[in-house]
Amino acid sequence: MINFIRALLLFFAVGLYHIYQKDFLSVWEGGVIFSIAFFGLTLKEIIEDYVERAFNPEDPKGLVYRGPRA
């Protein structure tokens, strides 16, 4: 949900810039900007979560991984 709100804010910012420049966006251009913003933010969070889990030596319960047991 937060990505949706962030994408809307970015869309409005780009839209206001184009209105200020007297260059209005078409529906397709607006859809492309919104899609890039939404899926880009979502992909960024997915990658951050993956990296955090992959390189964090503690599991979610706070237990420390000590390697395979012999």
PDB file of N, CA and C in Angstrom:
ATOM      1  N   MET A   1       0.822  -1.192   0.000  1.00  0.00           N
ATOM      2  CA  MET A   1       0.000   0.000   0.000  1.00  0.00           C
ATOM      3  C   MET A   1       0.873   1.266   0.000  1.00  0.00           C
ATOM      4  N   ILE A   2       1.974   1.206   0.744  1.00  0.00           N
ATOM      5  CA  ILE A   2       2.846   2.384   0.804  1.00  0.00           C
ATOM      6  C   ILE A   2       3.465   2.667  -0.565  1.00  0.00           C
ATOM      7  N   ASN A   3       3.750   1.609  -1.331  1.00  0.00           N
ATOM      8  CA  ASN A   3       4.304   1.827  -2.671  1.00  0.00           C
ATOM      9  C   ASN A   3       3.288   2.514  -3.576  1.00  0.00           C
ATOM     10  N   PHE A   4       2.018   2.189  -3.402  1.00  0.00           N
ATOM     11  CA  PHE A   4       0.963   2.814  -4.191  1.00  0.00           C
ATOM     12  C   PHE A   4       0.920   4.314  -3.899  1.00  0.00           C
ATOM     13  N   ILE A   5       1.008   4.672  -2.626  1.00  0.00           N
ATOM     14  CA  ILE A   5       0.978   6.085  -2.242  1.00  0.00           C
ATOM     15  C   ILE A   5       2.222   6.803  -2.756  1.00  0.00           C
ATOM     16  N   ARG A   6       3.387   6.167  -2.633  1.00  0.00           N
ATOM     17  CA  ARG A   6       4.621   6.771  -3.145  1.00  0.00           C
ATOM     18  C   ARG A   6       4.555   6.964  -4.654  1.00  0.00           C
ATOM     19  N   ALA A   7       4.020   5.972  -5.351  1.00  0.00           N
ATOM     20  CA  ALA A   7       3.904   6.079  -6.805  1.00  0.00           C
ATOM     21  C   ALA A   7       2.948   7.206  -7.185  1.00  0.00           C
ATOM     22  N   LEU A   8       1.853   7.351  -6.441  1.00  0.00           N
ATOM     23  CA  LEU A   8       0.930   8.452  -6.711  1.00  0.00           C
ATOM     24  C   LEU A   8       1.610   9.806  -6.496  1.00  0.00           C
ATOM     25  N   LEU A   9       2.383   9.925  -5.426  1.00  0.00           N
ATOM     26  CA  LEU A   9       3.079  11.187  -5.168  1.00  0.00           C
ATOM     27  C   LEU A   9       4.072  11.510  -6.282  1.00  0.00           C
ATOM     28  N   LEU A  10       4.803  10.504  -6.730  1.00  0.00           N
ATOM     29  CA  LEU A  10       5.749  10.722  -7.827  1.00  0.00           C
ATOM     30  C   LEU A  10       5.010  11.091  -9.112  1.00  0.00           C
ATOM     31  N   PHE A  11       3.890  10.419  -9.368  1.00  0.00           N
ATOM     32  CA  PHE A  11       3.076  10.710 -10.544  1.00  0.00           C
ATOM     33  C   PHE A  11       2.578  12.161 -10.509  1.00  0.00           C
ATOM     34  N   PHE A  12       2.097  12.596  -9.345  1.00  0.00           N
ATOM     35  CA  PHE A  12       1.615  13.970  -9.229  1.00  0.00           C
ATOM     36  C   PHE A  12       2.751  14.977  -9.393  1.00  0.00           C
ATOM     37  N   ALA A  13       3.925  14.644  -8.867  1.00  0.00           N
ATOM     38  CA  ALA A  13       5.067  15.551  -9.017  1.00  0.00           C
ATOM     39  C   ALA A  13       5.452  15.704 -10.486  1.00  0.00           C
ATOM     40  N   VAL A  14       5.508  14.596 -11.205  1.00  0.00           N
ATOM     41  CA  VAL A  14       5.838  14.660 -12.633  1.00  0.00           C
ATOM     42  C   VAL A  14       4.731  15.382 -13.391  1.00  0.00           C
ATOM     43  N   GLY A  15       3.488  15.114 -13.017  1.00  0.00           N
ATOM     44  CA  GLY A  15       2.363  15.791 -13.656  1.00  0.00           C
ATOM     45  C   GLY A  15       2.397  17.295 -13.452  1.00  0.00           C
ATOM     46  N   LEU A  16       2.700  17.722 -12.222  1.00  0.00           N
ATOM     47  CA  LEU A  16       2.794  19.162 -11.955  1.00  0.00           C
ATOM     48  C   LEU A  16       3.934  19.804 -12.738  1.00  0.00           C
ATOM     49  N   TYR A  17       5.035  19.089 -12.870  1.00  0.00           N
ATOM     50  CA  TYR A  17       6.151  19.609 -13.665  1.00  0.00           C
ATOM     51  C   TYR A  17       5.716  19.821 -15.115  1.00  0.00           C
ATOM     52  N   HIS A  18       5.004  18.852 -15.673  1.00  0.00           N
ATOM     53  CA  HIS A  18       4.574  18.977 -17.067  1.00  0.00           C
ATOM     54  C   HIS A  18       3.526  20.072 -17.232  1.00  0.00           C
ATOM     55  N   ILE A  19       2.657  20.248 -16.244  1.00  0.00           N
ATOM     56  CA  ILE A  19       1.685  21.339 -16.314  1.00  0.00           C
ATOM     57  C   ILE A  19       2.416  22.683 -16.265  1.00  0.00           C
ATOM     58  N   TYR A  20       3.420  22.777 -15.398  1.00  0.00           N
ATOM     59  CA  TYR A  20       4.204  24.008 -15.291  1.00  0.00           C
ATOM     60  C   TYR A  20       4.910  24.320 -16.607  1.00  0.00           C
ATOM     61  N   GLN A  21       5.366  23.301 -17.306  1.00  0.00           N
ATOM     62  CA  GLN A  21       6.052  23.479 -18.584  1.00  0.00           C
ATOM     63  C   GLN A  21       5.077  23.616 -19.754  1.00  0.00           C
ATOM     64  N   LYS A  22       3.777  23.603 -19.480  1.00  0.00           N
ATOM     65  CA  LYS A  22       2.711  23.685 -20.493  1.00  0.00           C
ATOM     66  C   LYS A  22       2.775  22.507 -21.472  1.00  0.00           C
ATOM     67  N   ASP A  23       3.229  21.367 -20.965  1.00  0.00           N
ATOM     68  CA  ASP A  23       3.350  20.158 -21.778  1.00  0.00           C
ATOM     69  C   ASP A  23       2.563  19.062 -21.059  1.00  0.00           C
ATOM     70  N   PHE A  24       1.308  18.892 -21.434  1.00  0.00           N
ATOM     71  CA  PHE A  24       0.436  17.981 -20.699  1.00  0.00           C
ATOM     72  C   PHE A  24       0.708  16.530 -21.069  1.00  0.00           C
ATOM     73  N   LEU A  25       0.566  15.669 -20.077  1.00  0.00           N
ATOM     74  CA  LEU A  25       0.785  14.237 -20.286  1.00  0.00           C
ATOM     75  C   LEU A  25      -0.444  13.600 -20.909  1.00  0.00           C
ATOM     76  N   SER A  26      -0.218  12.620 -21.774  1.00  0.00           N
ATOM     77  CA  SER A  26      -1.335  11.828 -22.268  1.00  0.00           C
ATOM     78  C   SER A  26      -1.636  10.742 -21.238  1.00  0.00           C
ATOM     79  N   VAL A  27      -2.733  10.037 -21.439  1.00  0.00           N
ATOM     80  CA  VAL A  27      -3.106   8.958 -20.521  1.00  0.00           C
ATOM     81  C   VAL A  27      -2.042   7.872 -20.528  1.00  0.00           C
ATOM     82  N   TRP A  28      -1.502   7.559 -21.687  1.00  0.00           N
ATOM     83  CA  TRP A  28      -0.496   6.496 -21.786  1.00  0.00           C
ATOM     84  C   TRP A  28       0.803   6.890 -21.102  1.00  0.00           C
ATOM     85  N   GLU A  29       1.218   8.137 -21.286  1.00  0.00           N
ATOM     86  CA  GLU A  29       2.442   8.602 -20.621  1.00  0.00           C
ATOM     87  C   GLU A  29       2.278   8.583 -19.105  1.00  0.00           C
ATOM     88  N   GLY A  30       1.118   9.002 -18.634  1.00  0.00           N
ATOM     89  CA  GLY A  30       0.851   8.956 -17.199  1.00  0.00           C
ATOM     90  C   GLY A  30       0.849   7.535 -16.669  1.00  0.00           C
ATOM     91  N   GLY A  31       0.263   6.619 -17.426  1.00  0.00           N
ATOM     92  CA  GLY A  31       0.258   5.212 -17.015  1.00  0.00           C
ATOM     93  C   GLY A  31       1.649   4.619 -16.961  1.00  0.00           C
ATOM     94  N   VAL A  32       2.480   4.989 -17.925  1.00  0.00           N
ATOM     95  CA  VAL A  32       3.861   4.487 -17.938  1.00  0.00           C
ATOM     96  C   VAL A  32       4.636   5.037 -16.744  1.00  0.00           C
ATOM     97  N   ILE A  33       4.488   6.315 -16.453  1.00  0.00           N
ATOM     98  CA  ILE A  33       5.184   6.908 -15.308  1.00  0.00           C
ATOM     99  C   ILE A  33       4.732   6.248 -14.014  1.00  0.00           C
ATOM    100  N   PHE A  34       3.419   6.062 -13.857  1.00  0.00           N
ATOM    101  CA  PHE A  34       2.900   5.437 -12.638  1.00  0.00           C
ATOM    102  C   PHE A  34       3.385   4.001 -12.517  1.00  0.00           C
ATOM    103  N   SER A  35       3.364   3.255 -13.622  1.00  0.00           N
ATOM    104  CA  SER A  35       3.804   1.855 -13.592  1.00  0.00           C
ATOM    105  C   SER A  35       5.279   1.738 -13.232  1.00  0.00           C
ATOM    106  N   ILE A  36       6.103   2.581 -13.841  1.00  0.00           N
ATOM    107  CA  ILE A  36       7.535   2.551 -13.527  1.00  0.00           C
ATOM    108  C   ILE A  36       7.756   2.895 -12.059  1.00  0.00           C
ATOM    109  N   ALA A  37       7.052   3.906 -11.565  1.00  0.00           N
ATOM    110  CA  ALA A  37       7.212   4.298 -10.163  1.00  0.00           C
ATOM    111  C   ALA A  37       6.770   3.175  -9.234  1.00  0.00           C
ATOM    112  N   PHE A  38       5.591   2.597  -9.493  1.00  0.00           N
ATOM    113  CA  PHE A  38       5.049   1.574  -8.595  1.00  0.00           C
ATOM    114  C   PHE A  38       5.900   0.316  -8.610  1.00  0.00           C
ATOM    115  N   PHE A  39       6.171  -0.215  -9.801  1.00  0.00           N
ATOM    116  CA  PHE A  39       6.919  -1.471  -9.872  1.00  0.00           C
ATOM    117  C   PHE A  39       8.391  -1.270  -9.539  1.00  0.00           C
ATOM    118  N   GLY A  40       8.931  -0.094  -9.815  1.00  0.00           N
ATOM    119  CA  GLY A  40      10.309   0.188  -9.415  1.00  0.00           C
ATOM    120  C   GLY A  40      10.462   0.220  -7.908  1.00  0.00           C
ATOM    121  N   LEU A  41       9.531   0.866  -7.214  1.00  0.00           N
ATOM    122  CA  LEU A  41       9.583   0.892  -5.754  1.00  0.00           C
ATOM    123  C   LEU A  41       9.363  -0.493  -5.174  1.00  0.00           C
ATOM    124  N   THR A  42       8.437  -1.254  -5.769  1.00  0.00           N
ATOM    125  CA  THR A  42       8.173  -2.603  -5.277  1.00  0.00           C
ATOM    126  C   THR A  42       9.397  -3.485  -5.474  1.00  0.00           C
ATOM    127  N   LEU A  43      10.022  -3.414  -6.642  1.00  0.00           N
ATOM    128  CA  LEU A  43      11.216  -4.217  -6.913  1.00  0.00           C
ATOM    129  C   LEU A  43      12.355  -3.818  -5.977  1.00  0.00           C
ATOM    130  N   LYS A  44      12.495  -2.527  -5.713  1.00  0.00           N
ATOM    131  CA  LYS A  44      13.533  -2.050  -4.794  1.00  0.00           C
ATOM    132  C   LYS A  44      13.338  -2.652  -3.407  1.00  0.00           C
ATOM    133  N   GLU A  45      12.107  -2.684  -2.915  1.00  0.00           N
ATOM    134  CA  GLU A  45      11.851  -3.248  -1.591  1.00  0.00           C
ATOM    135  C   GLU A  45      12.068  -4.752  -1.572  1.00  0.00           C
ATOM    136  N   ILE A  46      11.712  -5.441  -2.646  1.00  0.00           N
ATOM    137  CA  ILE A  46      11.940  -6.887  -2.713  1.00  0.00           C
ATOM    138  C   ILE A  46      13.430  -7.178  -2.645  1.00  0.00           C
ATOM    139  N   ILE A  47      14.226  -6.415  -3.387  1.00  0.00           N
ATOM    140  CA  ILE A  47      15.677  -6.624  -3.385  1.00  0.00           C
ATOM    141  C   ILE A  47      16.260  -6.302  -2.012  1.00  0.00           C
ATOM    142  N   GLU A  48      15.801  -5.211  -1.392  1.00  0.00           N
ATOM    143  CA  GLU A  48      16.305  -4.870  -0.062  1.00  0.00           C
ATOM    144  C   GLU A  48      15.979  -5.961   0.951  1.00  0.00           C
ATOM    145  N   ASP A  49      14.755  -6.499   0.905  1.00  0.00           N
ATOM    146  CA  ASP A  49      14.381  -7.577   1.822  1.00  0.00           C
ATOM    147  C   ASP A  49      15.228  -8.814   1.585  1.00  0.00           C
ATOM    148  N   TYR A  50      15.468  -9.145   0.325  1.00  0.00           N
ATOM    149  CA  TYR A  50      16.273 -10.324   0.010  1.00  0.00           C
ATOM    150  C   TYR A  50      17.701 -10.156   0.518  1.00  0.00           C
ATOM    151  N   VAL A  51      18.288  -8.987   0.266  1.00  0.00           N
ATOM    152  CA  VAL A  51      19.667  -8.742   0.700  1.00  0.00           C
ATOM    153  C   VAL A  51      19.753  -8.772   2.221  1.00  0.00           C
ATOM    154  N   GLU A  52      18.768  -8.189   2.881  1.00  0.00           N
ATOM    155  CA  GLU A  52      18.776  -8.182   4.344  1.00  0.00           C
ATOM    156  C   GLU A  52      18.697  -9.601   4.896  1.00  0.00           C
ATOM    157  N   ARG A  53      17.860 -10.428   4.316  1.00  0.00           N
ATOM    158  CA  ARG A  53      17.744 -11.818   4.776  1.00  0.00           C
ATOM    159  C   ARG A  53      18.966 -12.637   4.399  1.00  0.00           C
ATOM    160  N   ALA A  54      19.516 -12.380   3.224  1.00  0.00           N
ATOM    161  CA  ALA A  54      20.638 -13.189   2.752  1.00  0.00           C
ATOM    162  C   ALA A  54      21.907 -12.917   3.549  1.00  0.00           C
ATOM    163  N   PHE A  55      22.120 -11.683   3.953  1.00  0.00           N
ATOM    164  CA  PHE A  55      23.373 -11.328   4.615  1.00  0.00           C
ATOM    165  C   PHE A  55      23.230 -11.086   6.110  1.00  0.00           C
ATOM    166  N   ASN A  56      22.036 -11.313   6.653  1.00  0.00           N
ATOM    167  CA  ASN A  56      21.826 -11.161   8.086  1.00  0.00           C
ATOM    168  C   ASN A  56      22.085 -12.502   8.760  1.00  0.00           C
ATOM    169  N   PRO A  57      23.066 -12.593   9.654  1.00  0.00           N
ATOM    170  CA  PRO A  57      23.379 -13.883  10.261  1.00  0.00           C
ATOM    171  C   PRO A  57      22.336 -14.348  11.270  1.00  0.00           C
ATOM    172  N   GLU A  58      21.410 -13.488  11.661  1.00  0.00           N
ATOM    173  CA  GLU A  58      20.387 -13.880  12.620  1.00  0.00           C
ATOM    174  C   GLU A  58      19.088 -14.165  11.889  1.00  0.00           C
ATOM    175  N   ASP A  59      18.395 -15.196  12.347  1.00  0.00           N
ATOM    176  CA  ASP A  59      17.090 -15.473  11.761  1.00  0.00           C
ATOM    177  C   ASP A  59      16.062 -14.553  12.423  1.00  0.00           C
ATOM    178  N   PRO A  60      14.811 -14.534  11.934  1.00  0.00           N
ATOM    179  CA  PRO A  60      13.813 -13.609  12.484  1.00  0.00           C
ATOM    180  C   PRO A  60      13.559 -13.785  13.982  1.00  0.00           C
ATOM    181  N   LYS A  61      13.848 -14.949  14.542  1.00  0.00           N
ATOM    182  CA  LYS A  61      13.620 -15.178  15.964  1.00  0.00           C
ATOM    183  C   LYS A  61      14.774 -14.650  16.807  1.00  0.00           C
ATOM    184  N   GLY A  62      15.833 -14.174  16.181  1.00  0.00           N
ATOM    185  CA  GLY A  62      16.962 -13.643  16.907  1.00  0.00           C
ATOM    186  C   GLY A  62      18.021 -14.676  17.241  1.00  0.00           C
ATOM    187  N   LEU A  63      17.871 -15.879  16.722  1.00  0.00           N
ATOM    188  CA  LEU A  63      18.860 -16.915  16.978  1.00  0.00           C
ATOM    189  C   LEU A  63      20.025 -16.747  16.013  1.00  0.00           C
ATOM    190  N   VAL A  64      21.208 -16.923  16.491  1.00  0.00           N
ATOM    191  CA  VAL A  64      22.402 -16.745  15.666  1.00  0.00           C
ATOM    192  C   VAL A  64      22.732 -18.054  14.967  1.00  0.00           C
ATOM    193  N   TYR A  65      22.962 -17.968  13.660  1.00  0.00           N
ATOM    194  CA  TYR A  65      23.345 -19.148  12.885  1.00  0.00           C
ATOM    195  C   TYR A  65      24.830 -19.406  13.096  1.00  0.00           C
ATOM    196  N   ARG A  66      25.177 -20.601  13.530  1.00  0.00           N
ATOM    197  CA  ARG A  66      26.567 -20.923  13.842  1.00  0.00           C
ATOM    198  C   ARG A  66      27.156 -21.938  12.870  1.00  0.00           C
ATOM    199  N   GLY A  67      26.537 -22.143  11.750  1.00  0.00           N
ATOM    200  CA  GLY A  67      27.067 -23.081  10.764  1.00  0.00           C
ATOM    201  C   GLY A  67      26.528 -24.487  10.983  1.00  0.00           C
ATOM    202  N   PRO A  68      26.862 -25.391  10.074  1.00  0.00           N
ATOM    203  CA  PRO A  68      26.357 -26.768  10.197  1.00  0.00           C
ATOM    204  C   PRO A  68      26.978 -27.472  11.402  1.00  0.00           C
ATOM    205  N   ARG A  69      26.152 -28.274  12.026  1.00  0.00           N
ATOM    206  CA  ARG A  69      26.636 -29.033  13.190  1.00  0.00           C
ATOM    207  C   ARG A  69      27.305 -30.309  12.740  1.00  0.00           C
ATOM    208  N   ALA A  70      28.370 -30.662  13.393  1.00  0.00           N
ATOM    209  CA  ALA A  70      29.127 -31.869  13.030  1.00  0.00           C
ATOM    210  C   ALA A  70      28.550 -33.087  13.724  1.00  0.00           C
TER     211      ALA A  70
END
